[in-house]
Amino acid sequence: AKTHRRCVVSHQGLRANLQRTYLSLDSRALEGCAQPVPFRKLLFAFAFFHAVVQERRRFGPIGWNIPYDFTNEDFNVCKLQLRIFLDQYTEVPYEVLRTIGARINYGGRVTDDKDKRLISTLLETYVCPDILSPSYTFSSRPEYFCSNAETREEWLEFIRNLPVTAGPEVFGLHPNANISVAVREARQLVHDITTLIPQAGGGDTEADSTLTLAQQAEAATPELFDEAYVAGRFPIRYEESMNTVLVQEIERYNRLLSRMRVTLADFQKALKGLVVMSEDLESLGHSLVEGAVPKVWEAYSFLSMKPLPSWLNDVKARVTFMRRWINGGKPATFWMSGLYFPQGFLTGTMQNYARKHHIPIDRITFTFDFAHSMNEPLEHPEDGCHVSGLWLEGARWVLSAQRLDWSHPKQLFTPMPVVTFLPMPEEMAERRDTGVLYACPTYKVVSRAGALSTTGRSTNFVQMIDVPSGPFSTSVWTKAGVAIFLSLPD
């Protein structure tokens, strides 16, 4: 018997969203306010904001760290409150409208602190005194402005004349965001097609090829570290927290490497009929064939979005970095991408400074300096640490000007130079004249979202890095979703 599936596809696009909002309004919804012009313009501002926060979900993590289900009720509450405030006050309370809109009506759904910053910044773009000016536009595209329309029909006519498709720049994003969408959709399509391919029924040929894959993975798995040797060479010292960081990193990597070796050996025995093929081992075999990191390793692994071949190369590079640290002593520049738990490394850096200068650690913050060339040779800093391996999305770093700028076309990620993490007392950091700084979130992987840890922070989030904003306001980079990453998905 044949089966039929029905699916309902909601209207997509900024224009369609605005049309749906105004079609849902009563014909008299724009009448009867004590301040009719501000009411109509600010109502459109909230409607535009409502469309933007929904449509940004299409761009994935660069749009929102976590996709939220904003509803028409969020808009309706803002509409009701707007009328109440304009009826009661002669001055338009912009700050109040932004606060209750971004932090309560819509913001009540937002859980990620970086998304909270974003939604407040977005609403400031639309609900502001400039909206009463006929020359004010919502983006770099001149057709997105606030009309002087009065009736519901006039507003609908204005909305119908907007472009059918809104580019990323309308949402504050770089045009490269369209490429990110296409890449993500293509990967999802390939994944879906792969899952639909029926698994083979077995046979010598399949078993032989899977055995070969397991042997190749086993050969690519590095040897375990000698924990006793490392602990002896880098003993726990009050004045050097990096020793503790290294020992803990080695222990984490050993757990992963041990798990890899044990499961690969058991899988090969199971293929030969020497042990029972458990569910975990069968899943490992499927992952080897599909080129994905096996689930039996993920619980022991660092956070990664790489396919299996690239992931194995990454494991090898990380282990090589650790062995170089063990054999050559503390490096002048730390490859931060090679650390299993970079948050602990940064805490150790701050702890070293606090103990050296006898300052409480909760009164210390990081300041940041940036190398003037991509290959600048560096020596051990007196305080803090040099860090490499960082990648920027949504913008690029201009070496000559030491600031952010818009990305070049088709360059989704650009490398950052070596960054110096310099701890100092908060009051001293506040006195540094560094110009306008954008607090750039730094994540392990490009998914941005992660599980909440016991500290209340995402396991994916590492640190805010203050980056010179250049001639742009920090709100530009907030809306563009600019962030730094330690690892790319290949």
Protein backbone atom coordinates (compact mmCIF):
# COMPACT_ATOMS: atom_id res chain seq x y z
CA ALA A 1 0.00 0.00 0.00
CA LYS A 2 1.20 3.47 -0.84
CA THR A 3 1.57 6.12 1.83
CA HIS A 4 1.24 9.86 1.27
CA ARG A 5 2.77 12.54 3.44
CA ARG A 6 1.35 16.04 3.64
CA CYS A 7 3.52 18.90 4.77
CA VAL A 8 2.54 22.48 5.39
CA VAL A 9 5.25 25.00 4.53
CA SER A 10 4.89 28.36 6.24
CA HIS A 11 5.44 31.56 4.26
CA GLN A 12 9.10 32.49 4.39
CA GLY A 13 10.80 35.79 3.83
CA LEU A 14 10.77 39.23 5.40
CA ARG A 15 8.06 40.62 3.10
CA ALA A 16 5.77 37.63 3.61
CA ASN A 17 6.23 37.92 7.37
CA LEU A 18 5.32 41.62 7.36
CA GLN A 19 2.28 40.93 5.16
CA ARG A 20 1.10 38.23 7.51
CA THR A 21 1.45 40.58 10.49
CA TYR A 22 -0.51 43.44 8.89
CA LEU A 23 -3.18 41.15 7.47
CA SER A 24 -3.82 39.94 11.01
CA LEU A 25 -4.48 43.51 12.20
CA ASP A 26 -8.00 44.83 12.54
CA SER A 27 -8.84 47.57 10.04
CA ARG A 28 -9.17 50.02 12.95
CA ALA A 29 -5.97 48.90 14.72
CA LEU A 30 -4.06 51.98 13.51
CA GLU A 31 -6.71 54.44 14.70
CA GLY A 32 -7.57 56.06 18.01
CA CYS A 33 -4.09 56.60 19.49
CA ALA A 34 -3.29 59.95 21.13
CA GLN A 35 -0.04 60.10 19.10
CA PRO A 36 -1.05 58.65 15.71
CA VAL A 37 2.18 59.23 13.74
CA PRO A 38 4.60 57.77 16.32
CA PHE A 39 2.17 54.92 16.91
CA ARG A 40 1.97 53.90 13.26
CA LYS A 41 5.72 54.20 12.73
CA LEU A 42 6.69 52.38 15.91
CA LEU A 43 4.13 49.68 15.22
CA PHE A 44 5.83 49.07 11.88
CA ALA A 45 9.20 49.10 13.71
CA PHE A 46 7.99 46.31 16.00
CA ALA A 47 6.53 44.41 13.02
CA PHE A 48 9.85 44.71 11.17
CA PHE A 49 11.73 43.59 14.29
CA HIS A 50 9.29 40.66 14.64
CA ALA A 51 10.06 39.58 11.07
CA VAL A 52 13.82 40.01 11.49
CA VAL A 53 14.12 37.92 14.67
CA GLN A 54 12.20 35.12 12.98
CA GLU A 55 13.98 35.24 9.63
CA ARG A 56 17.46 35.31 11.21
CA ARG A 57 16.89 31.67 12.20
CA ARG A 58 17.36 30.76 8.53
CA PHE A 59 21.04 31.69 8.80
CA GLY A 60 21.77 29.15 11.51
CA PRO A 61 24.26 29.86 14.33
CA ILE A 62 25.39 33.19 12.87
CA GLY A 63 21.76 34.34 13.09
CA TRP A 64 21.04 33.01 16.58
CA ASN A 65 23.15 30.82 18.83
CA ILE A 66 19.91 29.02 19.69
CA PRO A 67 16.83 29.15 17.40
CA TYR A 68 13.85 30.54 19.33
CA ASP A 69 10.15 30.12 18.58
CA PHE A 70 8.95 33.72 18.63
CA THR A 71 5.18 33.97 18.17
CA ASN A 72 2.56 36.52 17.10
CA GLU A 73 1.61 36.91 20.75
CA ASP A 74 5.01 38.51 21.39
CA PHE A 75 4.20 41.15 18.79
CA ASN A 76 0.63 41.62 20.00
CA VAL A 77 1.78 42.35 23.54
CA CYS A 78 4.26 44.94 22.23
CA LYS A 79 1.46 46.52 20.15
CA LEU A 80 -0.82 46.76 23.19
CA GLN A 81 1.90 48.25 25.39
CA LEU A 82 2.90 50.72 22.68
CA ARG A 83 -0.64 52.14 22.54
CA ILE A 84 -0.87 52.34 26.34
CA PHE A 85 2.42 54.25 26.71
CA LEU A 86 1.68 56.66 23.86
CA ASP A 87 -1.78 57.39 25.28
CA GLN A 88 -0.43 58.04 28.76
CA TYR A 89 2.73 60.05 28.00
CA THR A 90 3.41 63.04 25.79
CA GLU A 91 7.02 61.97 25.20
CA VAL A 92 7.71 58.65 23.51
CA PRO A 93 9.40 56.36 26.11
CA TYR A 94 11.83 54.69 23.71
CA GLU A 95 14.02 53.18 26.40
CA VAL A 96 11.03 51.64 28.17
CA LEU A 97 9.64 50.23 24.93
CA ARG A 98 13.01 48.68 24.06
CA THR A 99 13.46 47.23 27.53
CA ILE A 100 10.08 45.52 27.79
CA GLY A 101 10.23 44.42 24.16
CA ALA A 102 13.76 42.98 24.07
CA ARG A 103 14.10 41.76 27.65
CA ILE A 104 10.57 40.68 28.55
CA ASN A 105 8.14 40.16 25.67
CA TYR A 106 10.65 38.62 23.25
CA GLY A 107 13.65 38.30 25.57
CA GLY A 108 11.75 36.06 27.97
CA ARG A 109 12.30 33.23 25.48
CA VAL A 110 16.00 33.97 25.00
CA THR A 111 18.33 31.91 27.19
CA ASP A 112 21.80 32.51 25.72
CA ASP A 113 23.49 35.67 27.05
CA LYS A 114 25.01 36.50 23.64
CA ASP A 115 21.55 36.21 22.08
CA LYS A 116 20.21 38.55 24.79
CA ARG A 117 22.78 41.12 23.72
CA LEU A 118 21.81 40.61 20.08
CA ILE A 119 18.06 41.01 20.54
CA SER A 120 18.53 44.24 22.49
CA THR A 121 20.84 45.58 19.77
CA LEU A 122 18.36 44.65 17.03
CA LEU A 123 15.45 46.43 18.68
CA GLU A 124 17.58 49.56 19.22
CA THR A 125 17.92 49.74 15.43
CA TYR A 126 14.16 50.00 14.88
CA VAL A 127 12.62 51.49 18.03
CA CYS A 128 14.51 54.77 18.20
CA PRO A 129 13.81 58.51 17.69
CA ASP A 130 15.36 58.40 14.20
CA ILE A 131 12.43 56.34 12.95
CA LEU A 132 10.35 59.54 12.79
CA SER A 133 12.81 60.94 10.24
CA PRO A 134 11.82 60.26 6.60
CA SER A 135 15.48 59.63 5.65
CA TYR A 136 16.08 56.88 8.25
CA THR A 137 16.60 53.37 6.89
CA PHE A 138 16.73 50.03 8.70
CA SER A 139 19.76 48.76 6.79
CA SER A 140 22.20 49.62 4.02
CA ARG A 141 19.40 48.86 1.54
CA PRO A 142 17.48 52.16 0.99
CA GLU A 143 14.15 50.45 0.23
CA TYR A 144 13.84 49.30 3.84
CA PHE A 145 12.54 52.39 5.61
CA CYS A 146 9.47 53.39 7.58
CA SER A 147 6.66 54.67 5.36
CA ASN A 148 4.32 57.58 6.10
CA ALA A 149 1.34 55.35 5.31
CA GLU A 150 -1.74 55.84 7.46
CA THR A 151 -4.30 53.12 6.81
CA ARG A 152 -3.86 49.37 6.97
CA GLU A 153 -4.34 49.12 3.19
CA GLU A 154 -1.64 51.72 2.56
CA TRP A 155 0.80 49.83 4.78
CA LEU A 156 0.01 46.59 2.94
CA GLU A 157 0.62 48.32 -0.38
CA PHE A 158 3.98 49.61 0.90
CA ILE A 159 4.93 46.11 2.10
CA ARG A 160 3.94 44.54 -1.25
CA ASN A 161 6.44 46.86 -2.97
CA LEU A 162 9.34 45.56 -0.84
CA PRO A 163 11.74 43.07 -2.48
CA VAL A 164 10.50 39.48 -2.47
CA THR A 165 13.82 38.26 -1.09
CA ALA A 166 15.72 40.13 1.59
CA GLY A 167 19.50 39.81 1.49
CA PRO A 168 21.58 39.09 4.61
CA GLU A 169 22.53 42.76 4.93
CA VAL A 170 18.90 43.61 5.78
CA PHE A 171 19.35 41.53 8.94
CA GLY A 172 22.73 43.10 9.74
CA LEU A 173 24.70 40.14 8.34
CA HIS A 174 27.45 40.01 5.73
CA PRO A 175 26.40 38.66 2.27
CA ASN A 176 28.66 35.66 2.94
CA ALA A 177 25.93 34.45 5.30
CA ASN A 178 24.06 33.19 2.22
CA ILE A 179 27.00 30.89 1.48
CA SER A 180 26.89 29.55 5.03
CA VAL A 181 23.19 28.73 4.56
CA ALA A 182 23.87 26.93 1.27
CA VAL A 183 26.76 24.93 2.75
CA ARG A 184 24.72 23.90 5.79
CA GLU A 185 21.73 22.86 3.66
CA ALA A 186 23.99 20.88 1.30
CA ARG A 187 25.59 19.03 4.23
CA GLN A 188 22.18 18.25 5.68
CA LEU A 189 21.00 16.94 2.30
CA VAL A 190 24.05 14.68 1.98
CA HIS A 191 23.47 13.42 5.54
CA ASP A 192 19.80 12.71 4.85
CA ILE A 193 20.62 10.85 1.63
CA THR A 194 23.26 8.81 3.46
CA THR A 195 20.80 7.77 6.15
CA LEU A 196 18.29 6.68 3.50
CA ILE A 197 20.77 4.34 1.82
CA PRO A 198 19.96 0.82 3.10
CA GLN A 199 22.71 -0.92 5.02
CA ALA A 200 24.23 -3.84 3.15
CA GLY A 201 23.27 -7.28 4.29
CA GLY A 202 26.81 -8.36 5.01
CA GLY A 203 29.27 -10.53 3.14
CA ASP A 204 32.99 -11.06 2.99
CA THR A 205 33.64 -8.00 0.84
CA GLU A 206 31.87 -5.63 3.20
CA ALA A 207 33.50 -7.19 6.26
CA ASP A 208 36.93 -6.95 4.66
CA SER A 209 36.50 -3.28 3.74
CA THR A 210 35.19 -2.42 7.22
CA LEU A 211 38.10 -4.32 8.78
CA THR A 212 40.50 -2.29 6.64
CA LEU A 213 38.90 0.96 7.82
CA ALA A 214 39.23 -0.16 11.45
CA GLN A 215 42.89 -1.08 10.93
CA GLN A 216 43.57 2.29 9.30
CA ALA A 217 41.89 4.12 12.19
CA GLU A 218 43.88 2.07 14.70
CA ALA A 219 47.12 2.86 12.88
CA ALA A 220 46.24 6.57 12.94
CA THR A 221 45.56 6.54 16.70
CA PRO A 222 48.56 7.99 18.58
CA GLU A 223 50.23 6.21 21.46
CA LEU A 224 49.12 7.05 24.98
CA PHE A 225 51.07 9.51 27.10
CA ASP A 226 53.16 8.34 30.04
CA GLU A 227 51.20 10.04 32.82
CA ALA A 228 53.72 9.17 35.54
CA TYR A 229 56.58 10.69 33.51
CA VAL A 230 54.60 13.88 32.80
CA ALA A 231 53.58 14.24 36.46
CA GLY A 232 57.21 13.85 37.52
CA ARG A 233 58.56 16.28 34.93
CA PHE A 234 55.83 18.85 35.63
CA PRO A 235 55.04 18.59 39.35
CA ILE A 236 52.31 20.63 41.02
CA ARG A 237 53.79 24.04 41.89
CA TYR A 238 52.08 26.99 43.54
CA GLU A 239 53.69 29.52 41.20
CA GLU A 240 53.12 27.54 37.96
CA SER A 241 49.53 26.49 37.30
CA MET A 242 50.42 25.46 33.74
CA ASN A 243 51.91 22.25 35.14
CA THR A 244 48.53 21.27 36.53
CA VAL A 245 46.85 22.28 33.25
CA LEU A 246 49.23 20.05 31.25
CA VAL A 247 48.77 17.01 33.52
CA GLN A 248 44.96 17.35 33.33
CA GLU A 249 45.08 17.73 29.54
CA ILE A 250 47.21 14.56 29.27
CA GLU A 251 44.74 12.63 31.43
CA ARG A 252 41.81 13.70 29.22
CA TYR A 253 43.59 12.78 26.00
CA ASN A 254 44.68 9.43 27.43
CA ARG A 255 41.05 8.56 28.24
CA LEU A 256 40.12 9.28 24.63
CA LEU A 257 43.09 7.43 23.10
CA SER A 258 42.53 4.44 25.37
CA ARG A 259 38.85 4.29 24.42
CA MET A 260 39.73 4.45 20.74
CA ARG A 261 42.28 1.65 20.96
CA VAL A 262 40.09 -0.66 23.06
CA THR A 263 36.97 -0.28 20.90
CA LEU A 264 38.86 -0.61 17.61
CA ALA A 265 40.58 -3.78 18.84
CA ASP A 266 37.26 -5.25 20.06
CA PHE A 267 35.56 -4.35 16.79
CA GLN A 268 38.18 -6.18 14.76
CA LYS A 269 37.79 -9.24 17.03
CA ALA A 270 34.01 -9.06 16.58
CA LEU A 271 34.37 -8.99 12.79
CA LYS A 272 36.44 -12.18 13.05
CA GLY A 273 33.88 -13.81 15.34
CA LEU A 274 36.13 -13.86 18.40
CA VAL A 275 33.82 -11.70 20.57
CA VAL A 276 30.16 -10.71 20.45
CA MET A 277 29.30 -7.79 18.17
CA SER A 278 27.64 -5.44 20.66
CA GLU A 279 25.39 -2.55 19.74
CA ASP A 280 28.20 -0.05 20.45
CA LEU A 281 30.64 -1.95 18.25
CA GLU A 282 28.09 -2.21 15.44
CA SER A 283 27.51 1.54 15.66
CA LEU A 284 31.27 2.08 15.50
CA GLY A 285 31.41 0.07 12.27
CA HIS A 286 28.63 2.12 10.67
CA SER A 287 30.43 5.35 11.66
CA LEU A 288 33.69 4.14 10.10
CA VAL A 289 31.88 3.44 6.83
CA GLU A 290 30.04 6.79 6.90
CA GLY A 291 33.19 8.75 7.81
CA ALA A 292 31.70 10.07 11.06
CA VAL A 293 33.18 10.17 14.56
CA PRO A 294 31.75 7.09 16.41
CA LYS A 295 29.36 7.83 19.26
CA VAL A 296 31.36 5.51 21.53
CA TRP A 297 34.21 8.03 21.27
CA GLU A 298 32.23 11.26 21.52
CA ALA A 299 31.71 10.99 25.28
CA TYR A 300 35.51 10.99 25.69
CA SER A 301 36.29 13.45 22.90
CA PHE A 302 36.88 17.17 22.73
CA LEU A 303 34.12 19.16 21.04
CA SER A 304 34.42 18.88 17.26
CA MET A 305 32.33 19.09 14.08
CA LYS A 306 34.91 17.50 11.78
CA PRO A 307 34.30 14.31 9.77
CA LEU A 308 36.26 11.24 10.87
CA PRO A 309 39.34 11.59 8.58
CA SER A 310 39.84 15.25 9.56
CA TRP A 311 39.08 14.44 13.19
CA LEU A 312 41.80 11.76 13.27
CA ASN A 313 44.26 14.26 11.79
CA ASP A 314 43.17 16.76 14.45
CA VAL A 315 43.78 14.21 17.21
CA LYS A 316 47.26 13.56 15.84
CA ALA A 317 48.04 17.32 15.68
CA ARG A 318 46.80 17.85 19.24
CA VAL A 319 48.88 15.00 20.59
CA THR A 320 51.92 16.34 18.72
CA PHE A 321 51.41 19.75 20.35
CA MET A 322 51.20 18.12 23.78
CA ARG A 323 54.37 16.06 23.20
CA ARG A 324 56.20 19.21 22.10
CA TRP A 325 55.10 20.87 25.35
CA ILE A 326 56.26 17.86 27.38
CA ASN A 327 59.63 17.55 25.66
CA GLY A 328 60.45 21.22 25.17
CA GLY A 329 58.84 22.83 28.18
CA LYS A 330 56.14 25.50 28.27
CA PRO A 331 55.78 26.94 24.75
CA ALA A 332 56.12 30.66 24.04
CA THR A 333 52.88 30.51 22.04
CA PHE A 334 50.09 28.12 22.92
CA TRP A 335 48.07 26.53 20.12
CA MET A 336 44.73 27.05 21.84
CA SER A 337 42.90 24.86 19.32
CA GLY A 338 44.91 21.90 20.61
CA LEU A 339 43.64 22.19 24.17
CA TYR A 340 40.91 19.83 25.32
CA PHE A 341 39.69 22.29 27.97
CA PRO A 342 40.83 25.82 27.01
CA GLN A 343 38.73 27.39 29.79
CA GLY A 344 40.94 25.67 32.37
CA PHE A 345 44.06 26.90 30.58
CA LEU A 346 42.84 30.52 30.77
CA THR A 347 41.97 30.09 34.45
CA GLY A 348 45.50 28.79 35.05
CA THR A 349 46.95 31.83 33.25
CA MET A 350 44.94 34.17 35.45
CA GLN A 351 45.84 32.17 38.55
CA ASN A 352 49.57 32.53 37.80
CA TYR A 353 49.17 36.31 37.63
CA ALA A 354 47.09 36.47 40.81
CA ARG A 355 49.62 34.45 42.81
CA LYS A 356 52.62 36.32 41.41
CA HIS A 357 51.22 39.78 42.20
CA HIS A 358 49.20 38.80 45.30
CA ILE A 359 45.88 40.03 43.88
CA PRO A 360 42.52 38.25 44.41
CA ILE A 361 41.69 36.40 41.20
CA ASP A 362 38.12 37.75 41.15
CA ARG A 363 39.54 41.28 40.75
CA ILE A 364 41.54 40.37 37.64
CA THR A 365 40.40 40.53 34.03
CA PHE A 366 42.02 39.86 30.66
CA THR A 367 43.15 42.55 28.26
CA PHE A 368 44.27 41.69 24.74
CA ASP A 369 47.04 42.65 22.34
CA PHE A 370 47.36 41.47 18.74
CA ALA A 371 50.50 40.59 16.79
CA HIS A 372 51.37 42.85 13.85
CA SER A 373 52.10 39.97 11.46
CA MET A 374 50.81 36.44 11.06
CA ASN A 375 54.30 34.96 11.65
CA GLU A 376 55.66 37.33 14.26
CA PRO A 377 58.23 35.48 16.45
CA LEU A 378 57.34 35.84 20.08
CA GLU A 379 59.08 35.16 23.37
CA HIS A 380 57.51 34.18 26.66
CA PRO A 381 55.53 37.18 27.98
CA GLU A 382 56.33 38.39 31.47
CA ASP A 383 52.66 37.92 32.38
CA GLY A 384 49.83 36.22 30.53
CA CYS A 385 50.22 34.07 27.42
CA HIS A 386 50.41 34.18 23.62
CA VAL A 387 47.68 32.22 21.87
CA SER A 388 47.36 31.05 18.25
CA GLY A 389 44.86 28.98 16.27
CA LEU A 390 41.92 31.43 16.28
CA TRP A 391 39.50 31.95 13.36
CA LEU A 392 37.09 34.82 12.78
CA GLU A 393 33.59 34.57 11.23
CA GLY A 394 31.43 37.46 10.05
CA ALA A 395 34.36 39.89 9.72
CA ARG A 396 38.10 39.93 9.07
CA TRP A 397 41.11 41.23 10.94
CA VAL A 398 43.11 44.02 9.28
CA LEU A 399 46.73 43.53 10.34
CA SER A 400 47.96 46.96 9.24
CA ALA A 401 45.15 48.84 10.99
CA GLN A 402 44.83 46.45 13.96
CA ARG A 403 41.03 46.38 13.80
CA LEU A 404 37.98 44.60 12.41
CA ASP A 405 36.55 45.17 8.93
CA TRP A 406 33.97 43.48 6.72
CA SER A 407 34.95 40.10 5.26
CA HIS A 408 36.03 39.71 1.67
CA PRO A 409 33.44 38.00 -0.56
CA LYS A 410 33.36 34.20 -0.27
CA GLN A 411 35.73 34.14 2.72
CA LEU A 412 33.62 32.65 5.49
CA PHE A 413 36.47 32.33 8.01
CA THR A 414 39.67 34.33 8.28
CA PRO A 415 42.66 33.64 10.56
CA MET A 416 43.47 35.83 13.53
CA PRO A 417 47.07 36.73 14.41
CA VAL A 418 48.63 35.61 17.67
CA VAL A 419 46.62 37.12 20.54
CA THR A 420 48.26 37.99 23.85
CA PHE A 421 46.01 37.36 26.85
CA LEU A 422 47.30 39.81 29.44
CA PRO A 423 45.77 39.63 32.93
CA MET A 424 45.62 42.81 34.97
CA PRO A 425 43.54 44.34 37.78
CA GLU A 426 40.12 45.51 36.61
CA GLU A 427 40.75 49.14 37.58
CA MET A 428 43.98 49.17 35.56
CA ALA A 429 42.28 47.57 32.54
CA GLU A 430 39.57 50.26 32.58
CA ARG A 431 42.23 52.97 32.28
CA ARG A 432 43.73 51.50 29.09
CA ASP A 433 43.05 53.75 26.08
CA THR A 434 42.27 51.15 23.45
CA GLY A 435 39.42 52.87 21.58
CA VAL A 436 36.08 51.24 20.86
CA LEU A 437 36.22 47.52 21.64
CA TYR A 438 33.81 44.83 20.49
CA ALA A 439 33.40 42.04 23.04
CA CYS A 440 33.81 39.14 20.62
CA PRO A 441 32.57 35.75 21.86
CA THR A 442 35.02 32.89 21.40
CA TYR A 443 33.76 29.33 20.92
CA LYS A 444 35.34 25.93 20.44
CA VAL A 445 33.28 25.05 17.32
CA VAL A 446 31.04 26.96 14.89
CA SER A 447 27.75 25.53 16.20
CA ARG A 448 28.09 28.16 18.99
CA ALA A 449 25.43 26.49 21.14
CA GLY A 450 26.48 23.91 23.70
CA ALA A 451 25.31 22.12 26.80
CA LEU A 452 25.19 24.12 30.03
CA SER A 453 28.03 23.22 32.39
CA THR A 454 27.95 23.31 36.18
CA THR A 455 29.23 26.91 36.01
CA GLY A 456 26.11 27.99 34.12
CA ARG A 457 28.13 28.63 30.94
CA SER A 458 27.88 26.78 27.66
CA THR A 459 30.48 24.03 27.21
CA ASN A 460 31.16 25.53 23.78
CA PHE A 461 31.82 29.08 24.99
CA VAL A 462 35.41 29.92 25.94
CA GLN A 463 35.98 33.64 26.53
CA MET A 464 35.03 37.14 25.42
CA ILE A 465 37.93 38.76 23.55
CA ASP A 466 37.88 42.55 23.30
CA VAL A 467 38.66 43.38 19.67
CA PRO A 468 39.17 46.92 18.28
CA SER A 469 36.02 47.85 16.36
CA GLY A 470 37.62 50.45 14.10
CA PRO A 471 35.29 53.07 12.60
CA PHE A 472 32.27 50.83 13.15
CA SER A 473 30.03 50.81 16.21
CA THR A 474 30.02 47.59 18.22
CA SER A 475 26.34 47.10 17.33
CA VAL A 476 27.41 46.48 13.71
CA TRP A 477 29.48 43.44 14.73
CA THR A 478 26.86 42.24 17.20
CA LYS A 479 24.20 42.15 14.46
CA ALA A 480 26.69 40.57 12.04
CA GLY A 481 27.18 37.66 14.46
CA VAL A 482 30.96 38.16 14.53
CA ALA A 483 32.65 35.48 16.62
CA ILE A 484 35.99 33.69 17.04
CA PHE A 485 36.42 29.91 16.85
CA LEU A 486 39.12 27.44 17.83
CA SER A 487 38.09 24.73 15.36
CA LEU A 488 36.46 24.76 11.92
CA PRO A 489 34.25 21.98 10.52
CA ASP A 490 36.37 21.48 7.36
